Amino acid sequence: EGRAMPEWQGNPQQAISMTQCFGCWTQCGVRVRVDRQTDRVLRIAGNPYHPLSQERHVDSALPLQDALAQLGGESGLDARSTACARGATLLEGLYSPLRVLEPMKRVGKRGEGKWQRISFEQLIAEVVEGG
């Protein structure tokens, strides 16, 4: 028995981008919800078009709004498109205060936790020249 597809109502203050997860070597498809005003990622979930995100991925000819409508509400878990645990936690790492944002060089002995910031030019030179 077929059900009528609910109409998807997007939030005009948010954008959805389809991309790849780089949490591991598999690089599954994910959809990322971004706040348009702050440009911050709000949620990472599975890409319904990607074969690794759900048991029966969505036909690529299906319009995005229809694909997103199938993911929520009355559809239950049958049409749910998910990211694995590693992919779902990428959001945590994205805004972590412990995230390394610039090249760092160890200046103390291994295990001392002493680091200094270096430029990308110095990083490349030291990697190439063995510094």
N, C-alpha and C. Protein backbone atom coordinates (compact mmCIF):
# COMPACT_ATOMS: atom_id res chain seq x y z
N GLU A 1 0.84 -1.19 0.00
CA GLU A 1 0.00 0.00 0.00
C GLU A 1 0.89 1.25 0.00
N GLY A 2 0.69 2.11 -0.96
CA GLY A 2 1.50 3.32 -1.07
C GLY A 2 0.98 4.43 -0.20
N ARG A 3 1.89 5.18 0.35
CA ARG A 3 1.53 6.34 1.16
C ARG A 3 1.84 7.59 0.37
N ALA A 4 1.07 8.63 0.60
CA ALA A 4 1.36 9.91 -0.04
C ALA A 4 2.64 10.46 0.57
N MET A 5 3.51 10.96 -0.26
CA MET A 5 4.77 11.51 0.22
C MET A 5 4.50 12.86 0.87
N PRO A 6 4.98 13.06 2.10
CA PRO A 6 4.78 14.36 2.74
C PRO A 6 5.56 15.44 2.00
N GLU A 7 5.06 16.65 2.10
CA GLU A 7 5.77 17.76 1.45
C GLU A 7 6.89 18.21 2.39
N TRP A 8 8.07 18.36 1.83
CA TRP A 8 9.21 18.78 2.64
C TRP A 8 9.20 20.29 2.78
N GLN A 9 9.32 20.76 4.02
CA GLN A 9 9.37 22.18 4.30
C GLN A 9 10.77 22.52 4.80
N GLY A 10 11.56 23.14 3.95
CA GLY A 10 12.91 23.52 4.35
C GLY A 10 12.90 24.76 5.21
N ASN A 11 13.92 24.92 6.01
CA ASN A 11 14.10 26.10 6.83
C ASN A 11 14.91 27.10 6.02
N PRO A 12 14.34 28.26 5.68
CA PRO A 12 15.07 29.23 4.85
C PRO A 12 16.33 29.78 5.51
N GLN A 13 16.48 29.58 6.82
CA GLN A 13 17.66 30.06 7.52
C GLN A 13 18.78 29.01 7.54
N GLN A 14 18.51 27.86 6.89
CA GLN A 14 19.50 26.79 6.87
C GLN A 14 19.71 26.31 5.45
N ALA A 15 20.91 25.81 5.18
CA ALA A 15 21.23 25.22 3.88
C ALA A 15 21.62 23.76 4.10
N ILE A 16 21.33 22.93 3.11
CA ILE A 16 21.74 21.53 3.17
C ILE A 16 22.70 21.28 2.03
N SER A 17 23.85 20.73 2.36
CA SER A 17 24.87 20.42 1.35
C SER A 17 25.16 18.94 1.38
N MET A 18 25.26 18.35 0.21
CA MET A 18 25.64 16.95 0.10
C MET A 18 27.15 16.91 -0.13
N THR A 19 27.84 16.10 0.65
CA THR A 19 29.29 16.02 0.55
C THR A 19 29.75 14.64 0.97
N GLN A 20 31.04 14.48 1.18
CA GLN A 20 31.60 13.21 1.61
C GLN A 20 32.12 13.33 3.02
N CYS A 21 32.02 12.23 3.75
CA CYS A 21 32.57 12.15 5.10
C CYS A 21 34.03 11.75 4.98
N PHE A 22 34.89 12.43 5.70
CA PHE A 22 36.30 12.09 5.71
C PHE A 22 36.72 11.54 7.08
N GLY A 23 35.78 10.92 7.78
CA GLY A 23 36.07 10.33 9.08
C GLY A 23 36.88 9.05 8.98
N CYS A 24 36.86 8.41 7.80
CA CYS A 24 37.65 7.19 7.57
C CYS A 24 37.91 7.06 6.07
N TRP A 25 38.44 5.95 5.67
CA TRP A 25 38.81 5.73 4.26
C TRP A 25 37.63 5.42 3.36
N THR A 26 36.46 5.08 3.91
CA THR A 26 35.30 4.70 3.10
C THR A 26 34.70 5.91 2.38
N GLN A 27 34.73 7.06 3.00
CA GLN A 27 34.21 8.32 2.44
C GLN A 27 32.75 8.20 2.01
N CYS A 28 31.90 7.85 2.95
CA CYS A 28 30.46 7.75 2.70
C CYS A 28 29.88 9.12 2.36
N GLY A 29 28.73 9.12 1.73
CA GLY A 29 28.04 10.36 1.44
C GLY A 29 27.30 10.85 2.67
N VAL A 30 27.41 12.14 2.95
CA VAL A 30 26.68 12.74 4.07
C VAL A 30 25.99 14.00 3.61
N ARG A 31 24.97 14.39 4.37
CA ARG A 31 24.33 15.69 4.15
C ARG A 31 24.63 16.53 5.39
N VAL A 32 24.96 17.78 5.15
CA VAL A 32 25.38 18.68 6.21
C VAL A 32 24.41 19.85 6.25
N ARG A 33 23.84 20.10 7.43
CA ARG A 33 22.94 21.24 7.61
C ARG A 33 23.73 22.40 8.18
N VAL A 34 23.67 23.55 7.50
CA VAL A 34 24.47 24.72 7.86
C VAL A 34 23.56 25.91 8.13
N ASP A 35 23.82 26.63 9.21
CA ASP A 35 23.10 27.86 9.51
C ASP A 35 23.61 28.94 8.56
N ARG A 36 22.72 29.52 7.78
CA ARG A 36 23.12 30.51 6.77
C ARG A 36 23.70 31.79 7.40
N GLN A 37 23.19 32.17 8.56
CA GLN A 37 23.62 33.42 9.17
C GLN A 37 25.01 33.30 9.81
N THR A 38 25.25 32.20 10.52
CA THR A 38 26.52 32.04 11.24
C THR A 38 27.53 31.19 10.47
N ASP A 39 27.06 30.52 9.43
CA ASP A 39 27.90 29.62 8.62
C ASP A 39 28.44 28.45 9.45
N ARG A 40 27.73 28.08 10.49
CA ARG A 40 28.14 26.95 11.35
C ARG A 40 27.37 25.70 10.96
N VAL A 41 28.07 24.58 11.01
CA VAL A 41 27.44 23.29 10.75
C VAL A 41 26.57 22.93 11.96
N LEU A 42 25.31 22.57 11.69
CA LEU A 42 24.38 22.23 12.75
C LEU A 42 24.22 20.72 12.93
N ARG A 43 24.32 19.99 11.81
CA ARG A 43 24.06 18.55 11.88
C ARG A 43 24.74 17.85 10.71
N ILE A 44 25.20 16.64 10.95
CA ILE A 44 25.75 15.78 9.91
C ILE A 44 24.95 14.49 9.93
N ALA A 45 24.41 14.10 8.78
CA ALA A 45 23.60 12.88 8.67
C ALA A 45 23.91 12.21 7.34
N GLY A 46 23.27 11.10 7.08
CA GLY A 46 23.51 10.36 5.85
C GLY A 46 22.94 11.05 4.63
N ASN A 47 23.58 10.83 3.50
CA ASN A 47 23.11 11.33 2.20
C ASN A 47 22.19 10.27 1.61
N PRO A 48 20.91 10.57 1.41
CA PRO A 48 19.97 9.55 0.93
C PRO A 48 20.30 9.00 -0.45
N TYR A 49 21.10 9.70 -1.22
CA TYR A 49 21.47 9.24 -2.56
C TYR A 49 22.67 8.29 -2.53
N HIS A 50 23.38 8.24 -1.43
CA HIS A 50 24.61 7.45 -1.36
C HIS A 50 24.31 6.01 -0.93
N PRO A 51 24.83 5.03 -1.63
CA PRO A 51 24.51 3.63 -1.33
C PRO A 51 24.97 3.14 0.04
N LEU A 52 25.91 3.82 0.68
CA LEU A 52 26.37 3.38 1.99
C LEU A 52 25.62 4.04 3.14
N SER A 53 24.68 4.95 2.84
CA SER A 53 23.98 5.69 3.88
C SER A 53 22.65 5.07 4.28
N GLN A 54 22.13 4.19 3.48
CA GLN A 54 20.89 3.50 3.84
C GLN A 54 20.77 2.24 3.01
N GLU A 55 19.91 1.35 3.47
CA GLU A 55 19.80 0.04 2.83
C GLU A 55 19.42 0.14 1.36
N ARG A 56 18.43 0.95 1.07
CA ARG A 56 18.01 1.17 -0.33
C ARG A 56 18.16 2.66 -0.63
N HIS A 57 19.27 3.02 -1.26
CA HIS A 57 19.50 4.45 -1.50
C HIS A 57 18.47 4.99 -2.50
N VAL A 58 18.28 6.29 -2.45
CA VAL A 58 17.30 6.98 -3.28
C VAL A 58 17.79 7.05 -4.72
N ASP A 59 16.90 6.90 -5.66
CA ASP A 59 17.22 7.02 -7.09
C ASP A 59 17.72 8.44 -7.35
N SER A 60 18.81 8.58 -8.05
CA SER A 60 19.40 9.90 -8.30
C SER A 60 18.50 10.81 -9.11
N ALA A 61 17.47 10.26 -9.77
CA ALA A 61 16.54 11.09 -10.54
C ALA A 61 15.49 11.75 -9.65
N LEU A 62 15.37 11.29 -8.40
CA LEU A 62 14.38 11.87 -7.48
C LEU A 62 14.85 13.25 -7.04
N PRO A 63 13.99 14.27 -7.17
CA PRO A 63 14.38 15.62 -6.73
C PRO A 63 14.75 15.65 -5.24
N LEU A 64 15.68 16.52 -4.88
CA LEU A 64 16.18 16.61 -3.52
C LEU A 64 15.05 16.80 -2.51
N GLN A 65 14.11 17.69 -2.79
CA GLN A 65 13.03 17.94 -1.83
C GLN A 65 12.22 16.69 -1.57
N ASP A 66 11.99 15.87 -2.60
CA ASP A 66 11.25 14.62 -2.41
C ASP A 66 12.08 13.61 -1.62
N ALA A 67 13.37 13.57 -1.87
CA ALA A 67 14.25 12.66 -1.13
C ALA A 67 14.28 13.03 0.35
N LEU A 68 14.36 14.32 0.64
CA LEU A 68 14.39 14.77 2.03
C LEU A 68 13.05 14.54 2.72
N ALA A 69 11.96 14.66 1.98
CA ALA A 69 10.63 14.41 2.54
C ALA A 69 10.50 12.95 2.98
N GLN A 70 11.13 12.04 2.28
CA GLN A 70 11.06 10.62 2.63
C GLN A 70 11.80 10.30 3.92
N LEU A 71 12.70 11.16 4.33
CA LEU A 71 13.55 10.86 5.48
C LEU A 71 12.88 11.10 6.82
N GLY A 72 11.87 11.90 6.87
CA GLY A 72 11.33 12.29 8.16
C GLY A 72 9.90 11.90 8.39
N GLY A 73 9.41 12.36 9.50
CA GLY A 73 8.01 12.21 9.84
C GLY A 73 7.51 10.78 9.89
N GLU A 74 6.52 10.50 9.06
CA GLU A 74 5.82 9.22 9.08
C GLU A 74 6.60 8.10 8.41
N SER A 75 7.72 8.37 7.82
CA SER A 75 8.47 7.34 7.10
C SER A 75 9.09 6.30 8.02
N GLY A 76 9.27 6.65 9.28
CA GLY A 76 9.87 5.71 10.21
C GLY A 76 11.32 5.43 9.88
N LEU A 77 11.80 4.29 10.31
CA LEU A 77 13.20 3.95 10.11
C LEU A 77 13.47 3.34 8.75
N ASP A 78 12.42 2.96 8.02
CA ASP A 78 12.59 2.29 6.74
C ASP A 78 13.35 3.15 5.73
N ALA A 79 13.08 4.43 5.70
CA ALA A 79 13.70 5.31 4.71
C ALA A 79 14.80 6.18 5.32
N ARG A 80 15.16 5.89 6.57
CA ARG A 80 16.13 6.73 7.26
C ARG A 80 17.52 6.61 6.63
N SER A 81 18.18 7.73 6.43
CA SER A 81 19.54 7.75 5.88
C SER A 81 20.46 8.23 6.99
N THR A 82 21.44 7.42 7.33
CA THR A 82 22.26 7.72 8.50
C THR A 82 23.75 7.76 8.18
N ALA A 83 24.48 8.37 9.07
CA ALA A 83 25.94 8.32 9.05
C ALA A 83 26.34 7.37 10.18
N CYS A 84 27.49 6.76 10.07
CA CYS A 84 27.97 5.87 11.13
C CYS A 84 28.33 6.71 12.36
N ALA A 85 28.70 6.04 13.43
CA ALA A 85 29.04 6.75 14.67
C ALA A 85 30.21 7.71 14.46
N ARG A 86 31.20 7.30 13.70
CA ARG A 86 32.35 8.16 13.45
C ARG A 86 31.93 9.40 12.65
N GLY A 87 31.12 9.19 11.61
CA GLY A 87 30.65 10.30 10.79
C GLY A 87 29.77 11.26 11.56
N ALA A 88 28.90 10.70 12.42
CA ALA A 88 27.99 11.53 13.19
C ALA A 88 28.72 12.39 14.22
N THR A 89 29.90 11.95 14.67
CA THR A 89 30.64 12.73 15.67
C THR A 89 31.62 13.72 15.07
N LEU A 90 31.68 13.81 13.74
CA LEU A 90 32.57 14.79 13.12
C LEU A 90 32.23 16.21 13.54
N LEU A 91 30.96 16.46 13.80
CA LEU A 91 30.52 17.79 14.23
C LEU A 91 31.21 18.17 15.54
N GLU A 92 31.34 17.19 16.43
CA GLU A 92 32.00 17.43 17.71
C GLU A 92 33.45 17.88 17.51
N GLY A 93 34.14 17.20 16.62
CA GLY A 93 35.54 17.54 16.36
C GLY A 93 35.72 18.85 15.63
N LEU A 94 34.72 19.21 14.83
CA LEU A 94 34.80 20.43 14.03
C LEU A 94 34.94 21.67 14.91
N TYR A 95 34.22 21.69 16.03
CA TYR A 95 34.23 22.86 16.90
C TYR A 95 34.94 22.60 18.23
N SER A 96 35.72 21.53 18.31
CA SER A 96 36.42 21.20 19.55
C SER A 96 37.50 22.24 19.86
N PRO A 97 37.59 22.66 21.11
CA PRO A 97 38.67 23.59 21.48
C PRO A 97 40.05 22.92 21.38
N LEU A 98 40.08 21.60 21.27
CA LEU A 98 41.35 20.88 21.16
C LEU A 98 41.77 20.64 19.72
N ARG A 99 40.96 21.08 18.76
CA ARG A 99 41.26 20.87 17.35
C ARG A 99 42.50 21.67 16.94
N VAL A 100 43.41 21.02 16.26
CA VAL A 100 44.63 21.68 15.79
C VAL A 100 44.31 22.41 14.49
N LEU A 101 44.51 23.72 14.47
CA LEU A 101 44.15 24.55 13.32
C LEU A 101 45.35 25.04 12.52
N GLU A 102 46.55 24.90 13.08
CA GLU A 102 47.77 25.32 12.39
C GLU A 102 48.85 24.28 12.64
N PRO A 103 49.87 24.27 11.78
CA PRO A 103 50.94 23.29 11.98
C PRO A 103 51.63 23.49 13.33
N MET A 104 51.93 22.37 13.97
CA MET A 104 52.60 22.41 15.27
C MET A 104 53.85 21.53 15.20
N LYS A 105 54.88 21.94 15.92
CA LYS A 105 56.13 21.17 15.98
C LYS A 105 56.44 20.88 17.45
N ARG A 106 56.77 19.62 17.72
CA ARG A 106 57.14 19.25 19.09
C ARG A 106 58.48 19.89 19.42
N VAL A 107 58.56 20.57 20.57
CA VAL A 107 59.81 21.22 20.97
C VAL A 107 60.39 20.58 22.23
N GLY A 108 59.63 19.75 22.88
CA GLY A 108 60.14 19.03 24.05
C GLY A 108 60.36 17.57 23.69
N LYS A 109 60.61 16.78 24.72
CA LYS A 109 60.76 15.35 24.51
C LYS A 109 59.39 14.73 24.27
N ARG A 110 59.38 13.59 23.59
CA ARG A 110 58.13 12.89 23.33
C ARG A 110 57.39 12.66 24.66
N GLY A 111 56.11 13.02 24.67
CA GLY A 111 55.29 12.83 25.86
C GLY A 111 55.23 14.03 26.78
N GLU A 112 56.08 15.04 26.57
CA GLU A 112 56.07 16.22 27.43
C GLU A 112 54.92 17.17 27.10
N GLY A 113 54.39 17.05 25.90
CA GLY A 113 53.29 17.92 25.51
C GLY A 113 53.71 19.35 25.21
N LYS A 114 54.95 19.54 24.79
CA LYS A 114 55.44 20.88 24.47
C LYS A 114 55.47 21.05 22.95
N TRP A 115 54.75 22.05 22.48
CA TRP A 115 54.60 22.29 21.04
C TRP A 115 54.74 23.77 20.75
N GLN A 116 55.11 24.09 19.53
CA GLN A 116 55.10 25.49 19.09
C GLN A 116 54.48 25.54 17.70
N ARG A 117 53.83 26.65 17.42
CA ARG A 117 53.24 26.86 16.10
C ARG A 117 54.35 27.14 15.10
N ILE A 118 54.17 26.59 13.89
CA ILE A 118 55.11 26.88 12.80
C ILE A 118 54.30 27.22 11.56
N SER A 119 54.93 27.86 10.61
CA SER A 119 54.25 28.22 9.36
C SER A 119 54.12 27.00 8.46
N PHE A 120 53.23 27.07 7.50
CA PHE A 120 53.10 25.98 6.53
C PHE A 120 54.38 25.84 5.71
N GLU A 121 55.04 26.96 5.43
CA GLU A 121 56.30 26.91 4.69
C GLU A 121 57.36 26.13 5.47
N GLN A 122 57.45 26.40 6.79
CA GLN A 122 58.41 25.68 7.62
C GLN A 122 58.04 24.21 7.71
N LEU A 123 56.76 23.91 7.81
CA LEU A 123 56.30 22.52 7.85
C LEU A 123 56.75 21.76 6.61
N ILE A 124 56.50 22.34 5.45
CA ILE A 124 56.87 21.69 4.19
C ILE A 124 58.38 21.52 4.10
N ALA A 125 59.12 22.57 4.45
CA ALA A 125 60.58 22.49 4.40
C ALA A 125 61.12 21.40 5.32
N GLU A 126 60.57 21.30 6.52
CA GLU A 126 61.06 20.30 7.47
C GLU A 126 60.68 18.89 7.04
N VAL A 127 59.52 18.71 6.45
CA VAL A 127 59.12 17.39 5.98
C VAL A 127 60.00 16.97 4.80
N VAL A 128 60.21 17.90 3.87
CA VAL A 128 61.00 17.60 2.68
C VAL A 128 62.48 17.39 3.03
N GLU A 129 63.00 18.26 3.90
CA GLU A 129 64.43 18.21 4.22
C GLU A 129 64.75 17.36 5.44
N GLY A 130 63.71 16.82 6.07
CA GLY A 130 63.94 15.95 7.23
C GLY A 130 64.28 16.68 8.50
N GLY A 131 63.71 17.89 8.70
CA GLY A 131 64.05 18.71 9.86
C GLY A 131 63.32 18.34 11.06
